[in-house]
Amino acid sequence: MAAEALEQAAKKRGYPIHVETQGAAGSDEMTAGDIAAADVVILAADLEVRGKDRFAGKPILQVGVAEALSKPDEVLDRALALRGTGTAPSAARSTPAAAPAAPKKVGVGTRIRQNLMTGVSYMIPFVAAGGLLIALSFLFGGYQIVSYTPQQIIDNGFNIANITDWAGVMFLIGGATFAFLVPVLSGFIAFGIADRPGIAPGFLGGAVAVTVGAGFLGGLASGFIAGYAALYISRIKLPAAFKSLMPVVIIPLIATFITGFLMFVVLGAPLRALSEGLSAWLSGLTGGNLIILGIILGLMMAFDMGGPVNKVAYAFATTGLASVPADGDPNSVQFKVMAIVMAAGMTPPLGLALATSLRKRLFTDAERQNGKAAYLLGASFISEGAIPFAAVDPLRVIPSAMVGSAVTGALVALFGSTLRAPHGGVWVTGLVGQPLLYLVAILVGMVVTAVCVIIAKSIKRAPVVAEVPEPATARPVAV
C-alpha cells in the first residue's frame, strides 16, 4: 500500500517511478538499467532492505512505511531535493566491499524492534503453512489423527482413497513445518543484524533453544546473540590472506560456538524456566482475566493495522499456538488467544468497509473504492485493508478501530471460541470452536467500528483542498 501511495503521488506529478517490493509478496525487482536511470532512491521500509549495495552512488532517502503511506507527496519532495547529491558511479564501484554495516544510528528500541520484526516476518509463512495443515488434518481426520506416524506410511503405503491417510500426511507435514519455527525466528533475527553471516549461528541457536526446552524465548535470545556475535566478529581486521575465509569459515565457526555455548551452558536453564512460567500463567487465565487479555490484544491488533504492534500481538498468538503439543487440549488458552487475535485483526477493515457503505458522503470516491476491497481483505484477515483510511484520517479512524477490535477481542474471550489455524479469516471458520458466537463477535465489533467512525467523521469535518500537480522535469525515481 505504501508502494501504491508513492506510485500515485509520482503519477499525479508526471514523474516516472519504478517500485520494487520486498515483503512477503515481493515483486518487480529493479534491473541495472532502472537503477542507472534513477535520479534518487527511496527506501520505504521498517525492516532491513536487501541489496542496498546496488544503489551505491545514488542519493538515498530512507523513511518508514507509515510515512510513505500517509505523506507520499512530502516524501517525494524530500527525495527530489536530493537529486545530484550522490557520488559518481565509478567512485562507488571502486570502493571495496565492506563487512556487514554497523547498525544505523537509531534508538536501541527501534533497532531491536526492526530485528525482531525481520525474524517474525520470515517465520510467519512457516506458521501459516504448518498451522493450516495441522488444522485441516484435524478437520478431516479428527483429533485421533495425532496417533498417525510416518511408520504407518512406510509399512502400509499411502491409500489415495482413504481420507485418514490424507489427513495423516497433512498432520505430519504440518508438524515438520512447525519444527522449523524457532530456528527460523532465531536465524532471521540474526540475519537482520549481521546479514548472511548471522544465518548459520542463528539457526543453530534456535535449534539449541528447542533442544533445551527454552522455546520461543530461547529463540529470541539466541537470534540476538548470534547476530551480534557474527556482526562484531566480521569487523575484526585480519591479514588479506585470511579475508576470504571470514564469511565461510571464521565467522560461522566462532559465532556458532559462542551462541551454542551460551545457550547450552549459561542461558538454557533460566530461559526454560521462564518459558514454562509464561506458559503456566497463560494456561491459568480464565474468566475476567482472559477477557482483559482479549481487550488488550484487540487494541494492539487495531493500533497500527499490520505494523509492529499488530505483529507483536500476532506473534504472541502464533508462538503460543505452536507451543501446544499436537495432542494437546483442544480448549487450550493458546487456541483461545489465536481466535481473539484473528477476529480482532479482521474487525478494522470490515468495520471501515461497512462505514463506507452506510455513510458514503463521509468518504471520498477513492475511500469508497477501498471500502469495497476492504470487505474481502478483512474477511481474509488482512488488517492492512484499513490502512488507507487510517493514513488519511488517523485521529478519527484508529481510535474507532481500536474500540471495535477491543469489543471483538472481549467477546471472543467471553464466548470461549478457539482456533487452531494461524491465518485464513472467515475461510477457516470450520476450524473454529464455537463458530457462530465467533462470527457474532466479529459482526458486533464490525458494527461498533463503523458507528464510531461515522460519528467521529460527522464532527467538525474540514473541507479537502486538492493540490495542483507540478510539471514533470525529473528522471525516474527508484524505490
Protein backbone atom coordinates (compact mmCIF):
# COMPACT_ATOMS: atom_id res chain seq x y z
CA MET A 1 0.00 0.00 0.00
CA ALA A 2 2.94 2.34 0.62
CA ALA A 3 4.19 1.43 -2.85
CA GLU A 4 0.80 2.31 -4.33
CA ALA A 5 0.74 5.64 -2.48
CA LEU A 6 4.16 6.62 -3.86
CA GLU A 7 3.21 5.48 -7.36
CA GLN A 8 0.05 7.57 -7.29
CA ALA A 9 1.91 10.63 -5.96
CA ALA A 10 4.53 10.33 -8.70
CA LYS A 11 1.93 9.74 -11.40
CA LYS A 12 -0.02 12.79 -10.26
CA ARG A 13 3.06 14.93 -10.87
CA GLY A 14 4.12 13.15 -14.02
CA TYR A 15 7.30 11.59 -12.61
CA PRO A 16 8.32 8.13 -13.84
CA ILE A 17 8.80 5.72 -10.94
CA HIS A 18 9.78 2.07 -10.57
CA VAL A 19 8.77 0.27 -7.36
CA GLU A 20 10.32 -2.92 -6.04
CA THR A 21 8.65 -4.56 -3.04
CA GLN A 22 10.44 -6.88 -0.63
CA GLY A 23 7.58 -8.02 1.58
CA ALA A 24 6.07 -11.49 1.65
CA ALA A 25 4.79 -10.83 -1.87
CA GLY A 26 7.96 -9.09 -3.09
CA SER A 27 7.99 -8.49 -6.82
CA ASP A 28 9.23 -6.47 -9.81
CA GLU A 29 12.91 -6.38 -8.95
CA MET A 30 14.75 -3.42 -10.43
CA THR A 31 17.24 -4.02 -13.22
CA ALA A 32 20.64 -2.37 -13.51
CA GLY A 33 19.14 -0.14 -16.20
CA ASP A 34 16.33 1.01 -13.89
CA ILE A 35 18.84 1.93 -11.20
CA ALA A 36 21.19 3.68 -13.61
CA ALA A 37 18.34 5.85 -14.93
CA ALA A 38 17.10 6.85 -11.48
CA ASP A 39 17.78 10.29 -10.02
CA VAL A 40 17.13 9.22 -6.44
CA VAL A 41 16.28 6.09 -4.45
CA ILE A 42 13.56 5.97 -1.78
CA LEU A 43 13.78 3.15 0.76
CA ALA A 44 10.36 2.98 2.42
CA ALA A 45 10.73 0.16 4.93
CA ASP A 46 10.55 -0.71 8.62
CA LEU A 47 12.88 -3.69 8.14
CA GLU A 48 16.36 -4.01 6.70
CA VAL A 49 16.33 -3.60 2.91
CA ARG A 50 18.07 -6.35 0.96
CA GLY A 51 20.55 -5.47 -1.76
CA LYS A 52 21.20 -1.84 -0.83
CA ASP A 53 24.68 -2.11 -2.32
CA ARG A 54 23.00 -1.95 -5.76
CA PHE A 55 22.32 1.72 -5.17
CA ALA A 56 25.94 2.73 -4.48
CA GLY A 57 26.50 6.25 -5.78
CA LYS A 58 22.80 7.18 -5.80
CA PRO A 59 21.25 9.67 -3.36
CA ILE A 60 19.05 7.70 -0.96
CA LEU A 61 16.11 8.80 1.20
CA GLN A 62 15.10 6.29 3.89
CA VAL A 63 11.65 6.59 5.50
CA GLY A 64 9.24 4.33 7.36
CA VAL A 65 6.34 2.60 5.65
CA ALA A 66 3.76 4.63 7.58
CA GLU A 67 5.33 7.92 6.48
CA ALA A 68 5.42 6.85 2.83
CA LEU A 69 1.78 5.79 3.07
CA SER A 70 0.43 8.85 4.86
CA LYS A 71 2.66 11.57 3.32
CA PRO A 72 3.70 10.37 -0.15
CA ASP A 73 3.88 13.87 -1.64
CA GLU A 74 6.11 15.11 1.16
CA VAL A 75 8.37 12.05 0.81
CA LEU A 76 8.59 12.64 -2.93
CA ASP A 77 9.54 16.30 -2.38
CA ARG A 78 12.29 15.34 0.06
CA ALA A 79 13.60 12.70 -2.33
CA LEU A 80 13.69 15.03 -5.32
CA ALA A 81 15.55 17.61 -3.25
CA LEU A 82 18.43 15.10 -3.05
CA ARG A 83 18.96 14.95 -6.82
CA GLY A 84 22.57 15.43 -7.77
CA THR A 85 23.94 14.73 -4.28
CA GLY A 86 25.13 11.15 -4.95
CA THR A 87 28.69 10.07 -5.69
CA ALA A 88 29.90 9.22 -9.15
CA PRO A 89 29.14 5.63 -10.15
CA SER A 90 32.78 4.94 -10.93
CA ALA A 91 33.82 6.11 -7.49
CA ALA A 92 31.14 3.98 -5.89
CA ARG A 93 32.27 0.93 -7.81
CA SER A 94 35.88 1.46 -6.85
CA THR A 95 35.04 1.34 -3.17
CA PRO A 96 35.94 -2.11 -1.83
CA ALA A 97 33.21 -4.24 -0.33
CA ALA A 98 32.98 -3.85 3.39
CA ALA A 99 31.95 -6.15 6.19
CA PRO A 100 28.31 -6.03 7.24
CA ALA A 101 27.44 -2.48 8.18
CA ALA A 102 27.09 -1.38 11.75
CA PRO A 103 23.57 -0.82 12.98
CA LYS A 104 22.11 2.54 11.93
CA LYS A 105 22.21 5.41 14.37
CA VAL A 106 18.73 4.84 15.68
CA GLY A 107 17.43 4.15 19.15
CA VAL A 108 18.14 0.81 20.75
CA GLY A 109 14.43 0.08 20.99
CA THR A 110 13.89 0.80 17.30
CA ARG A 111 16.84 -1.39 16.33
CA ILE A 112 15.59 -4.29 18.46
CA ARG A 113 12.10 -3.94 17.02
CA GLN A 114 13.39 -3.96 13.44
CA ASN A 115 15.48 -7.07 14.02
CA LEU A 116 12.64 -8.83 15.82
CA MET A 117 10.19 -8.00 13.03
CA THR A 118 12.65 -9.38 10.47
CA GLY A 119 12.63 -12.72 12.28
CA VAL A 120 8.86 -12.71 12.70
CA SER A 121 8.23 -11.82 9.05
CA TYR A 122 10.26 -14.82 7.87
CA MET A 123 8.64 -17.09 10.45
CA ILE A 124 5.03 -16.25 9.54
CA PRO A 125 4.91 -18.35 6.31
CA PHE A 126 6.05 -21.38 8.32
CA VAL A 127 3.39 -20.66 10.95
CA ALA A 128 0.68 -20.23 8.33
CA ALA A 129 1.58 -23.33 6.30
CA GLY A 130 2.16 -25.62 9.28
CA GLY A 131 -0.78 -24.34 11.30
CA LEU A 132 -3.27 -24.60 8.47
CA LEU A 133 -2.12 -28.11 7.56
CA ILE A 134 -2.46 -29.30 11.15
CA ALA A 135 -5.86 -27.64 11.48
CA LEU A 136 -7.07 -29.23 8.24
CA SER A 137 -5.79 -32.62 9.39
CA PHE A 138 -7.99 -32.37 12.50
CA LEU A 139 -10.93 -31.22 10.37
CA PHE A 140 -10.70 -34.25 8.05
CA GLY A 141 -9.29 -36.86 10.41
CA GLY A 142 -10.49 -35.86 13.87
CA TYR A 143 -8.28 -35.44 16.93
CA GLN A 144 -7.29 -39.10 16.83
CA ILE A 145 -5.07 -38.19 13.87
CA VAL A 146 -2.32 -37.34 16.38
CA SER A 147 -1.57 -41.07 16.57
CA TYR A 148 -0.67 -41.15 12.86
CA THR A 149 3.06 -41.78 12.35
CA PRO A 150 5.48 -41.82 9.39
CA GLN A 151 6.00 -45.54 10.04
CA GLN A 152 2.39 -46.19 9.03
CA ILE A 153 3.07 -44.81 5.55
CA ILE A 154 6.31 -46.79 5.27
CA ASP A 155 4.70 -50.05 6.40
CA ASN A 156 1.25 -49.76 4.82
CA GLY A 157 1.75 -47.32 1.96
CA PHE A 158 -0.49 -44.37 1.11
CA ASN A 159 -4.10 -45.10 0.15
CA ILE A 160 -5.25 -42.30 -2.14
CA ALA A 161 -8.90 -43.15 -1.48
CA ASN A 162 -8.53 -43.06 2.32
CA ILE A 163 -9.31 -39.66 3.88
CA THR A 164 -7.47 -40.69 7.05
CA ASP A 165 -4.25 -41.12 5.09
CA TRP A 166 -4.68 -37.68 3.55
CA ALA A 167 -5.33 -36.16 6.97
CA GLY A 168 -2.39 -38.05 8.46
CA VAL A 169 0.03 -36.77 5.83
CA MET A 170 -1.24 -33.21 6.38
CA PHE A 171 -0.63 -33.66 10.10
CA LEU A 172 2.91 -34.96 9.57
CA ILE A 173 3.83 -32.19 7.13
CA GLY A 174 2.37 -29.53 9.41
CA GLY A 175 4.27 -30.91 12.40
CA ALA A 176 7.52 -31.00 10.42
CA THR A 177 6.94 -27.39 9.35
CA PHE A 178 6.33 -26.29 12.93
CA ALA A 179 9.66 -27.83 13.93
CA PHE A 180 11.38 -25.03 11.99
CA LEU A 181 9.65 -22.14 13.74
CA VAL A 182 12.17 -21.37 16.48
CA PRO A 183 15.27 -21.91 14.29
CA VAL A 184 13.77 -19.71 11.55
CA LEU A 185 12.88 -16.98 14.04
CA SER A 186 16.36 -17.07 15.56
CA GLY A 187 18.16 -17.37 12.22
CA PHE A 188 16.46 -14.41 10.62
CA ILE A 189 16.76 -12.19 13.67
CA ALA A 190 20.49 -12.83 13.33
CA PHE A 191 20.21 -12.21 9.58
CA GLY A 192 18.59 -8.83 10.25
CA ILE A 193 21.55 -7.87 12.44
CA ALA A 194 24.54 -9.31 10.59
CA ASP A 195 23.18 -10.23 7.15
CA ARG A 196 24.18 -13.68 5.78
CA PRO A 197 26.99 -14.34 8.30
CA GLY A 198 24.35 -14.44 11.04
CA ILE A 199 22.17 -17.15 9.49
CA ALA A 200 24.15 -20.28 10.47
CA PRO A 201 24.76 -19.36 14.13
CA GLY A 202 21.21 -18.04 14.37
CA PHE A 203 19.65 -21.28 13.14
CA LEU A 204 21.94 -23.29 15.43
CA GLY A 205 20.92 -21.14 18.38
CA GLY A 206 17.25 -21.72 17.61
CA ALA A 207 17.80 -25.47 17.38
CA VAL A 208 19.57 -25.44 20.75
CA ALA A 209 16.69 -23.42 22.24
CA VAL A 210 14.31 -26.19 21.18
CA THR A 211 16.66 -28.89 22.50
CA VAL A 212 16.94 -27.36 25.98
CA GLY A 213 13.22 -26.53 26.15
CA ALA A 214 13.67 -22.75 26.08
CA GLY A 215 11.09 -22.38 23.32
CA PHE A 216 10.49 -19.08 21.58
CA LEU A 217 12.08 -17.02 24.33
CA GLY A 218 15.25 -19.01 23.73
CA GLY A 219 14.89 -18.41 20.00
CA LEU A 220 14.67 -14.67 20.57
CA ALA A 221 17.74 -14.67 22.80
CA SER A 222 19.81 -16.88 20.51
CA GLY A 223 18.92 -14.76 17.48
CA PHE A 224 20.29 -11.60 19.04
CA ILE A 225 23.35 -13.39 20.46
CA ALA A 226 24.18 -14.96 17.09
CA GLY A 227 23.54 -11.77 15.15
CA TYR A 228 25.74 -9.53 17.25
CA ALA A 229 28.43 -12.19 17.60
CA ALA A 230 28.62 -12.51 13.81
CA LEU A 231 28.45 -8.76 13.32
CA TYR A 232 31.34 -7.91 15.64
CA ILE A 233 33.49 -10.84 14.50
CA SER A 234 33.08 -9.57 10.93
CA ARG A 235 34.67 -6.28 11.97
CA ILE A 236 37.90 -7.86 13.14
CA LYS A 237 40.80 -6.72 10.95
CA LEU A 238 42.73 -9.70 9.58
CA PRO A 239 45.58 -10.01 7.08
CA ALA A 240 44.46 -10.05 3.46
CA ALA A 241 45.23 -13.77 3.17
CA PHE A 242 42.50 -14.58 5.73
CA LYS A 243 39.76 -12.27 4.43
CA SER A 244 38.33 -14.86 2.06
CA LEU A 245 37.96 -17.27 5.00
CA MET A 246 35.95 -14.82 7.11
CA PRO A 247 32.44 -15.36 5.67
CA VAL A 248 32.68 -19.11 5.06
CA VAL A 249 34.83 -20.39 7.95
CA ILE A 250 35.85 -17.93 10.65
CA ILE A 251 32.56 -16.10 11.29
CA PRO A 252 30.31 -19.21 11.22
CA LEU A 253 32.75 -21.20 13.36
CA ILE A 254 33.28 -18.65 16.12
CA ALA A 255 29.76 -17.19 16.17
CA THR A 256 28.18 -20.65 16.17
CA PHE A 257 30.37 -21.79 19.07
CA ILE A 258 29.64 -18.64 21.10
CA THR A 259 25.90 -18.94 20.51
CA GLY A 260 25.74 -22.67 21.23
CA PHE A 261 27.91 -22.40 24.34
CA LEU A 262 25.85 -19.59 25.85
CA MET A 263 22.57 -21.33 25.08
CA PHE A 264 23.63 -24.73 26.44
CA VAL A 265 25.70 -23.64 29.45
CA VAL A 266 24.51 -20.20 30.56
CA LEU A 267 21.03 -19.29 29.31
CA GLY A 268 19.31 -22.61 28.64
CA ALA A 269 18.09 -23.38 32.16
CA PRO A 270 16.81 -19.89 33.11
CA LEU A 271 15.13 -19.40 29.73
CA ARG A 272 13.45 -22.78 30.04
CA ALA A 273 12.14 -21.87 33.49
CA LEU A 274 10.91 -18.50 32.19
CA SER A 275 9.21 -20.13 29.20
CA GLU A 276 7.49 -22.71 31.40
CA GLY A 277 6.38 -19.98 33.80
CA LEU A 278 4.89 -17.93 30.97
CA SER A 279 3.03 -20.98 29.65
CA ALA A 280 1.70 -21.74 33.12
CA TRP A 281 0.50 -18.14 33.52
CA LEU A 282 -1.22 -18.20 30.15
CA SER A 283 -2.86 -21.55 30.86
CA GLY A 284 -4.18 -20.18 34.13
CA LEU A 285 -6.06 -17.31 32.50
CA THR A 286 -9.81 -17.76 32.83
CA GLY A 287 -12.92 -15.62 33.06
CA GLY A 288 -12.26 -11.93 33.63
CA ASN A 289 -8.51 -12.21 33.17
CA LEU A 290 -8.95 -13.74 29.72
CA ILE A 291 -11.42 -11.01 28.77
CA ILE A 292 -8.89 -8.36 29.82
CA LEU A 293 -6.27 -10.09 27.69
CA GLY A 294 -8.77 -10.13 24.82
CA ILE A 295 -9.27 -6.37 25.14
CA ILE A 296 -5.52 -5.72 25.21
CA LEU A 297 -4.83 -7.93 22.19
CA GLY A 298 -7.75 -6.33 20.34
CA LEU A 299 -6.34 -2.86 20.97
CA MET A 300 -2.91 -3.98 19.77
CA MET A 301 -4.27 -5.54 16.58
CA ALA A 302 -6.02 -2.29 15.60
CA PHE A 303 -3.39 0.17 16.80
CA ASP A 304 -1.26 0.12 13.63
CA MET A 305 -3.11 -2.47 11.50
CA GLY A 306 -0.30 -4.66 10.27
CA GLY A 307 2.50 -2.62 11.82
CA PRO A 308 4.92 -3.57 14.61
CA VAL A 309 2.39 -3.51 17.48
CA ASN A 310 -0.05 -5.60 15.44
CA LYS A 311 2.75 -8.04 14.57
CA VAL A 312 3.76 -8.38 18.25
CA ALA A 313 0.21 -9.41 19.16
CA TYR A 314 0.10 -11.82 16.22
CA ALA A 315 3.50 -13.28 17.08
CA PHE A 316 2.34 -13.77 20.69
CA ALA A 317 -0.67 -15.74 19.43
CA THR A 318 1.15 -17.83 16.84
CA THR A 319 4.03 -18.74 19.12
CA GLY A 320 1.52 -19.84 21.73
CA LEU A 321 -0.30 -21.85 19.08
CA ALA A 322 2.91 -23.59 18.08
CA SER A 323 3.79 -24.37 21.70
CA VAL A 324 0.74 -26.59 22.22
CA PRO A 325 1.50 -30.29 21.64
CA ALA A 326 -0.26 -31.87 18.69
CA ASP A 327 -2.33 -33.96 21.10
CA GLY A 328 -2.90 -31.05 23.48
CA ASP A 329 -6.22 -29.94 24.97
CA PRO A 330 -8.45 -28.62 22.13
CA ASN A 331 -9.73 -25.96 24.56
CA SER A 332 -6.25 -24.67 25.46
CA VAL A 333 -5.98 -20.98 26.24
CA GLN A 334 -3.45 -20.69 23.41
CA PHE A 335 -6.19 -21.64 20.93
CA LYS A 336 -8.48 -19.03 22.50
CA VAL A 337 -5.77 -16.38 22.15
CA MET A 338 -5.36 -17.26 18.46
CA ALA A 339 -9.11 -16.86 17.96
CA ILE A 340 -9.04 -13.49 19.72
CA VAL A 341 -6.18 -12.16 17.62
CA MET A 342 -7.59 -13.25 14.27
CA ALA A 343 -11.07 -11.92 14.98
CA ALA A 344 -9.72 -8.60 16.27
CA GLY A 345 -7.48 -8.27 13.22
CA MET A 346 -10.42 -8.78 10.86
CA THR A 347 -12.57 -6.13 12.54
CA PRO A 348 -10.92 -2.82 11.41
CA PRO A 349 -11.13 -3.33 7.62
CA LEU A 350 -14.60 -4.87 7.89
CA GLY A 351 -15.83 -2.02 10.08
CA LEU A 352 -14.45 0.66 7.78
CA ALA A 353 -15.88 -1.10 4.75
CA LEU A 354 -19.29 -1.10 6.45
CA ALA A 355 -18.93 2.61 7.28
CA THR A 356 -18.30 3.46 3.62
CA SER A 357 -21.49 1.59 2.71
CA LEU A 358 -23.64 3.21 5.40
CA ARG A 359 -22.46 6.85 5.04
CA LYS A 360 -20.97 7.27 1.60
CA ARG A 361 -20.97 11.07 1.78
CA LEU A 362 -18.39 11.00 4.57
CA PHE A 363 -15.81 9.35 2.32
CA THR A 364 -14.06 10.26 -0.91
CA ASP A 365 -14.52 8.26 -4.11
CA ALA A 366 -11.14 6.60 -3.55
CA GLU A 367 -12.09 5.65 0.02
CA ARG A 368 -15.38 4.16 -1.15
CA GLN A 369 -13.49 2.04 -3.67
CA ASN A 370 -11.05 0.99 -0.93
CA GLY A 371 -14.07 0.10 1.18
CA LYS A 372 -15.24 -2.44 -1.38
CA ALA A 373 -11.83 -4.12 -1.32
CA ALA A 374 -11.72 -3.94 2.49
CA TYR A 375 -14.64 -6.36 2.77
CA LEU A 376 -12.58 -9.10 1.15
CA LEU A 377 -9.33 -8.09 2.87
CA GLY A 378 -10.98 -8.05 6.29
CA ALA A 379 -12.74 -11.36 5.71
CA SER A 380 -9.34 -12.82 4.79
CA PHE A 381 -7.66 -11.49 7.98
CA ILE A 382 -5.59 -8.84 6.21
CA SER A 383 -5.66 -5.96 8.68
CA GLU A 384 -3.75 -3.73 6.25
CA GLY A 385 -7.03 -3.23 4.38
CA ALA A 386 -7.80 -0.48 6.90
CA ILE A 387 -4.53 1.41 6.37
CA PRO A 388 -5.70 3.69 3.51
CA PHE A 389 -8.42 5.06 5.80
CA ALA A 390 -6.10 5.43 8.80
CA ALA A 391 -3.44 7.17 6.71
CA VAL A 392 -5.86 9.88 5.57
CA ASP A 393 -7.65 10.45 8.88
CA PRO A 394 -5.73 8.72 11.70
CA LEU A 395 -7.24 10.65 14.63
CA ARG A 396 -10.75 9.51 13.74
CA VAL A 397 -10.09 6.09 12.25
CA ILE A 398 -7.52 4.50 14.57
CA PRO A 399 -9.35 5.09 17.90
CA SER A 400 -12.61 3.88 16.30
CA ALA A 401 -10.94 0.73 15.02
CA MET A 402 -9.32 0.10 18.40
CA VAL A 403 -12.70 0.31 20.15
CA GLY A 404 -14.26 -2.14 17.70
CA SER A 405 -11.38 -4.62 17.93
CA ALA A 406 -11.33 -4.42 21.72
CA VAL A 407 -15.04 -5.28 21.77
CA THR A 408 -14.45 -8.21 19.41
CA GLY A 409 -11.50 -9.46 21.48
CA ALA A 410 -13.50 -9.30 24.69
CA LEU A 411 -16.48 -11.12 23.17
CA VAL A 412 -14.36 -13.91 21.67
CA ALA A 413 -12.76 -14.41 25.09
CA LEU A 414 -16.17 -14.36 26.77
CA PHE A 415 -17.62 -16.90 24.32
CA GLY A 416 -14.61 -19.21 24.66
CA SER A 417 -14.05 -19.59 20.92
CA THR A 418 -10.90 -21.44 19.89
CA LEU A 419 -8.87 -21.61 16.69
CA ARG A 420 -6.08 -23.95 15.62
CA ALA A 421 -5.29 -22.16 12.34
CA PRO A 422 -2.95 -19.12 12.42
CA HIS A 423 -4.50 -17.47 9.36
CA GLY A 424 -7.37 -17.67 6.91
CA GLY A 425 -10.05 -15.33 8.24
CA VAL A 426 -13.65 -16.43 7.74
CA TRP A 427 -12.48 -19.06 5.27
CA VAL A 428 -11.31 -21.25 8.18
CA THR A 429 -14.48 -20.86 10.25
CA GLY A 430 -14.87 -24.63 10.06
CA LEU A 431 -11.77 -24.91 12.25
CA VAL A 432 -13.19 -22.59 14.94
CA GLY A 433 -14.61 -23.78 18.24
CA GLN A 434 -17.96 -22.04 18.91
CA PRO A 435 -18.08 -20.76 15.30
CA LEU A 436 -21.45 -18.99 15.43
CA LEU A 437 -20.54 -17.00 18.52
CA TYR A 438 -17.16 -16.27 16.95
CA LEU A 439 -18.86 -14.73 13.91
CA VAL A 440 -21.23 -12.80 16.18
CA ALA A 441 -18.22 -11.27 17.98
CA ILE A 442 -16.72 -10.17 14.65
CA LEU A 443 -20.03 -8.70 13.46
CA VAL A 444 -20.54 -6.78 16.70
CA GLY A 445 -17.01 -5.34 16.55
CA MET A 446 -17.53 -4.51 12.88
CA VAL A 447 -20.70 -2.53 13.67
CA VAL A 448 -19.06 -0.78 16.64
CA THR A 449 -16.12 0.27 14.45
CA ALA A 450 -18.44 1.56 11.71
CA VAL A 451 -20.61 3.52 14.14
CA CYS A 452 -17.59 5.08 15.87
CA VAL A 453 -16.04 6.09 12.54
CA ILE A 454 -19.30 7.60 11.28
CA ILE A 455 -19.78 9.59 14.49
CA ALA A 456 -16.15 10.76 14.52
CA LYS A 457 -16.21 11.81 10.87
CA SER A 458 -19.50 13.67 11.33
CA ILE A 459 -17.95 16.02 13.89
CA LYS A 460 -16.26 19.22 12.63
CA ARG A 461 -15.34 17.95 9.20
CA ALA A 462 -12.89 20.16 7.31
CA PRO A 463 -13.04 20.51 3.51
CA VAL A 464 -10.43 18.71 1.45
CA VAL A 465 -8.24 21.01 -0.66
CA ALA A 466 -6.85 19.48 -3.83
CA GLU A 467 -3.22 20.12 -4.74
CA VAL A 468 -2.20 21.24 -8.22
CA PRO A 469 0.43 18.84 -9.61
CA GLU A 470 3.83 20.14 -10.67
CA PRO A 471 5.07 19.62 -14.21
CA ALA A 472 7.39 16.64 -14.69
CA THR A 473 11.04 17.60 -15.07
CA ALA A 474 12.84 14.77 -13.32
CA ARG A 475 14.27 11.49 -14.47
CA PRO A 476 12.83 8.29 -12.95
CA VAL A 477 12.70 7.76 -9.24
CA ALA A 478 13.65 4.27 -8.00
CA VAL A 479 12.01 2.96 -4.84
